[in-house]
Amino acid sequence: MNAEVRPRKYRAIWISDVHLGTKGCKAEFLLDFLRANESDYLYLVGDIIDGWRLKRGWFWPQPHNDVVQKILRKARKGCRVIYVPGNHDEFARDYVGQSFGAVEVVDEAIHRTADGRRLLVVHGDGFDGVVRYARWLAVLGDHAYTLALNVNRWFNQARRVLGYPYWSFSAYLKYKVKNAVKFIGDYEAAVMDAARHRGVDGVVCGHIHHAQLAPGEGLLYANCGDWVESCTALVEDFDGRLDIIHWPQVMVEPAGVSQCAS
């Protein structure tokens, strides 16, 4: 980012599924995004650090550390940083109710938008039956996902050599697989049902690495995506308008990702 360009200011930013500690993490893209965008609220919507992968082998390059330090600096400068742990960073759930470096750790949060809507903020693994009731299957799926990301990394190395921008091959495959599409639909339905029972106006979540922003039966469903495949964030302007940002802007949008606003 050009140092002379002033960061854009939002009322709130949500990011999820960064998976720091993995080779698939696009830490450089996220660091650039955090430098280019400021906010009054920053929600970390789970799977920020991949504890599952770090248990199998330590991987922590400098850009991953830079992302953590950038978030901590934002918190010190007055941005309210709220961390909602997910299943891959479930170790942080032991510290719910505490603060670390001005970062608040909570099990879930309620965000009130500038136009008065109440949004439930959760990671979303509680709505995933595989994670809840068959953890061994979730771990097996994680290994397969890692393989897909490795293929994606090699694929994009070739694209860079040929002068093409980043494009998520793994995301494209996921959105084309019939069972994955059904899983995403079932997940969204479960999340929206929870919102309906909680009496809120919508839900902001992550977990499935599928950025989307859409009203459904009077309720808002917002998934802020990930920083492994699509590199997306959910943002709120000061009038309460929500949008999904793809970073960098030259990235090709994966099929099925919505950028509509409410």
Protein backbone atom coordinates (compact mmCIF):
# COMPACT_ATOMS: atom_id res chain seq x y z
CA MET A 1 0.00 0.00 0.00
CA ASN A 2 1.23 3.50 -0.84
CA ALA A 3 2.23 5.21 2.43
CA GLU A 4 0.70 8.49 1.21
CA VAL A 5 -2.77 7.02 0.86
CA ARG A 6 -4.90 7.55 3.96
CA PRO A 7 -6.63 4.42 5.28
CA ARG A 8 -10.36 4.15 4.62
CA LYS A 9 -12.46 4.34 7.77
CA TYR A 10 -15.39 2.04 8.55
CA ARG A 11 -17.61 1.78 11.57
CA ALA A 12 -17.02 -1.98 11.88
CA ILE A 13 -15.00 -4.71 10.18
CA TRP A 14 -15.45 -8.47 10.54
CA ILE A 15 -12.80 -11.01 9.51
CA SER A 16 -12.77 -14.77 10.06
CA ASP A 17 -10.95 -17.96 9.16
CA VAL A 18 -7.49 -16.47 8.78
CA HIS A 19 -5.82 -19.74 9.84
CA LEU A 20 -2.54 -18.21 10.94
CA GLY A 21 -0.03 -21.03 11.35
CA THR A 22 -0.84 -22.68 8.03
CA LYS A 23 0.82 -22.40 4.64
CA GLY A 24 -2.53 -21.61 3.03
CA CYS A 25 -3.01 -18.42 5.07
CA LYS A 26 -2.83 -15.24 2.94
CA ALA A 27 -1.23 -13.24 5.76
CA GLU A 28 0.38 -10.72 3.39
CA PHE A 29 -3.00 -9.89 1.83
CA LEU A 30 -4.60 -9.53 5.27
CA LEU A 31 -1.80 -7.32 6.55
CA ASP A 32 -2.23 -5.06 3.52
CA PHE A 33 -5.98 -4.93 4.15
CA LEU A 34 -5.52 -4.04 7.83
CA ARG A 35 -3.12 -1.26 6.90
CA ALA A 36 -5.51 0.15 4.29
CA ASN A 37 -8.69 0.05 6.42
CA GLU A 38 -9.48 1.38 9.89
CA SER A 39 -12.60 0.90 12.01
CA ASP A 40 -14.15 1.66 15.37
CA TYR A 41 -14.91 -2.05 15.85
CA LEU A 42 -12.90 -5.03 14.62
CA TYR A 43 -14.49 -8.45 15.08
CA LEU A 44 -12.29 -11.55 14.82
CA VAL A 45 -14.91 -14.18 14.02
CA GLY A 46 -13.00 -17.36 14.79
CA ASP A 47 -10.29 -19.60 13.35
CA ILE A 48 -7.85 -16.71 13.43
CA ILE A 49 -5.06 -19.03 14.59
CA ASP A 50 -5.12 -22.66 13.46
CA GLY A 51 -4.38 -24.61 16.63
CA TRP A 52 -5.19 -27.91 14.92
CA ARG A 53 -2.39 -27.43 12.39
CA LEU A 54 0.12 -26.01 14.86
CA LYS A 55 -0.26 -29.14 16.99
CA ARG A 56 0.93 -31.22 14.05
CA GLY A 57 3.90 -29.01 13.24
CA TRP A 58 5.05 -25.47 13.95
CA PHE A 59 4.73 -23.00 11.09
CA TRP A 60 4.83 -19.31 11.97
CA PRO A 61 6.58 -17.06 9.41
CA GLN A 62 7.08 -13.33 9.99
CA PRO A 63 3.95 -12.16 8.10
CA HIS A 64 1.78 -14.21 10.48
CA ASN A 65 3.40 -12.49 13.44
CA ASP A 66 2.97 -9.12 11.71
CA VAL A 67 -0.79 -9.69 11.44
CA VAL A 68 -1.05 -10.35 15.19
CA GLN A 69 1.02 -7.28 15.99
CA LYS A 70 -1.07 -5.11 13.66
CA ILE A 71 -4.29 -6.21 15.37
CA LEU A 72 -2.80 -5.50 18.80
CA ARG A 73 -1.70 -2.03 17.65
CA LYS A 74 -5.23 -1.29 16.45
CA ALA A 75 -6.55 -2.26 19.88
CA ARG A 76 -4.01 -0.04 21.65
CA LYS A 77 -4.96 2.91 19.44
CA GLY A 78 -8.62 2.75 20.43
CA CYS A 79 -10.22 0.29 18.03
CA ARG A 80 -12.49 -2.06 19.99
CA VAL A 81 -11.24 -5.54 19.03
CA ILE A 82 -13.60 -8.41 19.87
CA TYR A 83 -12.40 -11.99 19.43
CA VAL A 84 -14.98 -14.79 19.04
CA PRO A 85 -12.97 -18.06 18.92
CA GLY A 86 -13.83 -20.85 16.48
CA ASN A 87 -13.18 -24.57 16.38
CA HIS A 88 -9.60 -24.31 15.07
CA ASP A 89 -8.70 -21.82 17.82
CA GLU A 90 -10.94 -23.38 20.45
CA PHE A 91 -8.08 -23.10 22.97
CA ALA A 92 -9.03 -19.42 23.28
CA ARG A 93 -12.48 -20.39 24.58
CA ASP A 94 -10.83 -21.12 27.89
CA TYR A 95 -10.25 -17.36 28.19
CA VAL A 96 -13.77 -16.12 27.39
CA GLY A 97 -14.52 -13.06 29.50
CA GLN A 98 -10.89 -11.96 29.65
CA SER A 99 -8.91 -9.41 27.64
CA PHE A 100 -5.43 -9.72 26.19
CA GLY A 101 -3.69 -6.60 24.98
CA ALA A 102 -7.10 -4.83 24.93
CA VAL A 103 -8.54 -7.66 22.79
CA GLU A 104 -11.82 -8.89 24.33
CA VAL A 105 -12.42 -12.66 24.16
CA VAL A 106 -16.12 -13.59 24.05
CA ASP A 107 -18.14 -16.68 23.17
CA GLU A 108 -20.46 -14.59 21.02
CA ALA A 109 -21.32 -10.93 20.58
CA ILE A 110 -24.24 -8.71 19.68
CA HIS A 111 -23.36 -5.88 17.34
CA ARG A 112 -25.78 -2.97 16.93
CA THR A 113 -25.42 -1.33 13.54
CA ALA A 114 -25.60 2.42 12.98
CA ASP A 115 -29.18 2.03 11.75
CA GLY A 116 -30.22 0.07 14.86
CA ARG A 117 -30.12 -3.57 13.75
CA ARG A 118 -28.96 -6.19 16.25
CA LEU A 119 -26.61 -8.78 14.73
CA LEU A 120 -25.49 -11.96 16.49
CA VAL A 121 -21.77 -12.55 15.89
CA VAL A 122 -20.65 -16.20 16.16
CA HIS A 123 -18.02 -18.31 14.44
CA GLY A 124 -20.62 -20.87 13.38
CA ASP A 125 -19.08 -24.26 14.15
CA GLY A 126 -21.97 -24.86 16.56
CA PHE A 127 -24.25 -25.11 13.50
CA ASP A 128 -22.02 -27.66 11.75
CA GLY A 129 -23.14 -31.18 12.64
CA VAL A 130 -19.84 -32.70 11.49
CA VAL A 131 -17.83 -30.56 13.90
CA ARG A 132 -20.31 -31.01 16.75
CA TYR A 133 -20.97 -34.74 16.53
CA ALA A 134 -18.15 -36.30 14.46
CA ARG A 135 -14.93 -34.46 15.23
CA TRP A 136 -12.83 -37.25 13.73
CA LEU A 137 -14.60 -36.67 10.40
CA ALA A 138 -13.95 -32.95 10.65
CA VAL A 139 -10.24 -33.63 11.18
CA LEU A 140 -10.22 -36.00 8.20
CA GLY A 141 -11.89 -33.32 6.10
CA ASP A 142 -9.28 -30.84 7.28
CA HIS A 143 -6.52 -33.04 5.82
CA ALA A 144 -8.32 -33.20 2.46
CA TYR A 145 -8.82 -29.43 2.56
CA THR A 146 -5.10 -28.95 3.20
CA LEU A 147 -4.32 -30.98 0.09
CA ALA A 148 -6.68 -28.80 -1.97
CA LEU A 149 -4.99 -25.67 -0.64
CA ASN A 150 -1.55 -27.03 -1.55
CA VAL A 151 -2.77 -27.59 -5.12
CA ASN A 152 -4.21 -24.07 -5.04
CA ARG A 153 -0.83 -22.64 -3.98
CA TRP A 154 1.05 -24.39 -6.80
CA PHE A 155 -1.64 -23.34 -9.27
CA ASN A 156 -1.29 -19.68 -8.30
CA GLN A 157 2.50 -19.79 -8.39
CA ALA A 158 2.15 -20.75 -12.04
CA ARG A 159 -0.38 -17.96 -12.61
CA ARG A 160 2.04 -15.39 -11.15
CA VAL A 161 4.81 -16.58 -13.47
CA LEU A 162 2.43 -16.11 -16.40
CA GLY A 163 1.40 -12.66 -15.18
CA TYR A 164 -2.13 -13.52 -14.05
CA PRO A 165 -3.72 -12.32 -10.74
CA TYR A 166 -4.59 -14.59 -7.82
CA TRP A 167 -7.59 -16.86 -8.38
CA SER A 168 -8.79 -19.46 -5.90
CA PHE A 169 -8.91 -22.81 -7.66
CA SER A 170 -9.85 -24.58 -4.40
CA ALA A 171 -12.78 -22.20 -3.82
CA TYR A 172 -13.98 -22.78 -7.38
CA LEU A 173 -13.93 -26.55 -6.87
CA LYS A 174 -15.77 -26.26 -3.56
CA TYR A 175 -18.58 -24.17 -5.00
CA LYS A 176 -18.98 -26.60 -7.91
CA VAL A 177 -19.31 -29.73 -5.77
CA LYS A 178 -22.96 -30.61 -5.24
CA ASN A 179 -22.53 -31.91 -1.67
CA ALA A 180 -20.60 -28.78 -0.68
CA VAL A 181 -23.38 -26.58 -2.04
CA LYS A 182 -25.96 -28.56 -0.05
CA PHE A 183 -23.82 -28.30 3.10
CA ILE A 184 -23.58 -24.53 2.70
CA GLY A 185 -27.36 -24.29 2.27
CA ASP A 186 -28.03 -26.43 5.35
CA TYR A 187 -25.54 -24.40 7.38
CA GLU A 188 -27.13 -21.09 6.40
CA ALA A 189 -30.59 -22.44 7.28
CA ALA A 190 -29.39 -23.53 10.74
CA VAL A 191 -27.75 -20.15 11.39
CA MET A 192 -30.87 -18.24 10.35
CA ASP A 193 -33.06 -20.47 12.52
CA ALA A 194 -30.87 -19.58 15.51
CA ALA A 195 -31.21 -15.88 14.71
CA ARG A 196 -34.97 -16.24 14.55
CA HIS A 197 -35.07 -17.90 17.97
CA ARG A 198 -32.72 -15.30 19.50
CA GLY A 199 -34.88 -12.43 18.31
CA VAL A 200 -32.05 -10.61 16.53
CA ASP A 201 -32.11 -8.99 13.11
CA GLY A 202 -29.41 -11.17 11.63
CA VAL A 203 -26.20 -13.16 12.07
CA VAL A 204 -22.58 -12.55 11.18
CA CYS A 205 -20.55 -15.76 11.03
CA GLY A 206 -17.64 -17.51 9.33
CA HIS A 207 -16.53 -21.16 9.48
CA ILE A 208 -17.48 -22.38 5.99
CA HIS A 209 -15.12 -20.10 3.98
CA HIS A 210 -17.99 -18.83 1.84
CA ALA A 211 -18.51 -15.06 1.89
CA GLN A 212 -22.11 -14.03 1.48
CA LEU A 213 -24.40 -11.15 2.39
CA ALA A 214 -28.10 -11.68 1.89
CA PRO A 215 -31.46 -11.02 3.56
CA GLY A 216 -33.59 -14.08 4.16
CA GLU A 217 -37.18 -14.00 5.42
CA GLY A 218 -36.63 -10.62 7.03
CA LEU A 219 -33.32 -11.64 8.62
CA LEU A 220 -29.81 -10.80 7.46
CA TYR A 221 -27.30 -13.58 6.84
CA ALA A 222 -23.70 -12.37 6.62
CA ASN A 223 -20.66 -14.60 6.30
CA CYS A 224 -17.37 -12.71 6.23
CA GLY A 225 -15.56 -15.46 4.32
CA ASP A 226 -11.89 -16.27 4.89
CA TRP A 227 -8.24 -15.35 4.30
CA VAL A 228 -7.21 -18.69 2.85
CA GLU A 229 -9.20 -18.81 -0.39
CA SER A 230 -11.36 -15.76 -1.10
CA CYS A 231 -9.65 -13.11 1.11
CA THR A 232 -12.81 -11.28 2.12
CA ALA A 233 -14.08 -9.11 4.95
CA LEU A 234 -17.47 -7.78 5.97
CA VAL A 235 -17.61 -4.02 6.61
CA GLU A 236 -20.16 -1.55 7.95
CA ASP A 237 -20.26 2.08 6.86
CA PHE A 238 -21.28 4.82 9.27
CA ASP A 239 -24.84 4.78 7.91
CA GLY A 240 -25.21 1.08 8.77
CA ARG A 241 -24.73 -0.21 5.23
CA LEU A 242 -22.97 -3.59 5.05
CA ASP A 243 -20.78 -4.86 2.23
CA ILE A 244 -18.27 -7.60 1.46
CA ILE A 245 -14.81 -6.51 0.37
CA HIS A 246 -12.54 -8.75 -1.71
CA TRP A 247 -8.84 -8.06 -1.19
CA PRO A 248 -6.91 -7.29 -3.24
CA GLN A 249 -9.51 -5.79 -5.55
CA VAL A 250 -7.93 -7.43 -8.63
CA MET A 251 -8.77 -10.89 -7.33
CA VAL A 252 -11.22 -12.86 -9.44
CA GLU A 253 -14.41 -13.39 -7.45
CA PRO A 254 -15.17 -17.09 -6.82
CA ALA A 255 -18.50 -18.26 -8.22
CA GLY A 256 -21.40 -17.93 -5.81
CA VAL A 257 -20.00 -15.14 -3.62
CA SER A 258 -22.47 -12.31 -3.18
CA GLN A 259 -21.57 -8.65 -2.67
CA CYS A 260 -25.09 -7.36 -2.14
CA ALA A 261 -25.74 -4.98 0.73
CA SER A 262 -28.62 -4.49 3.11
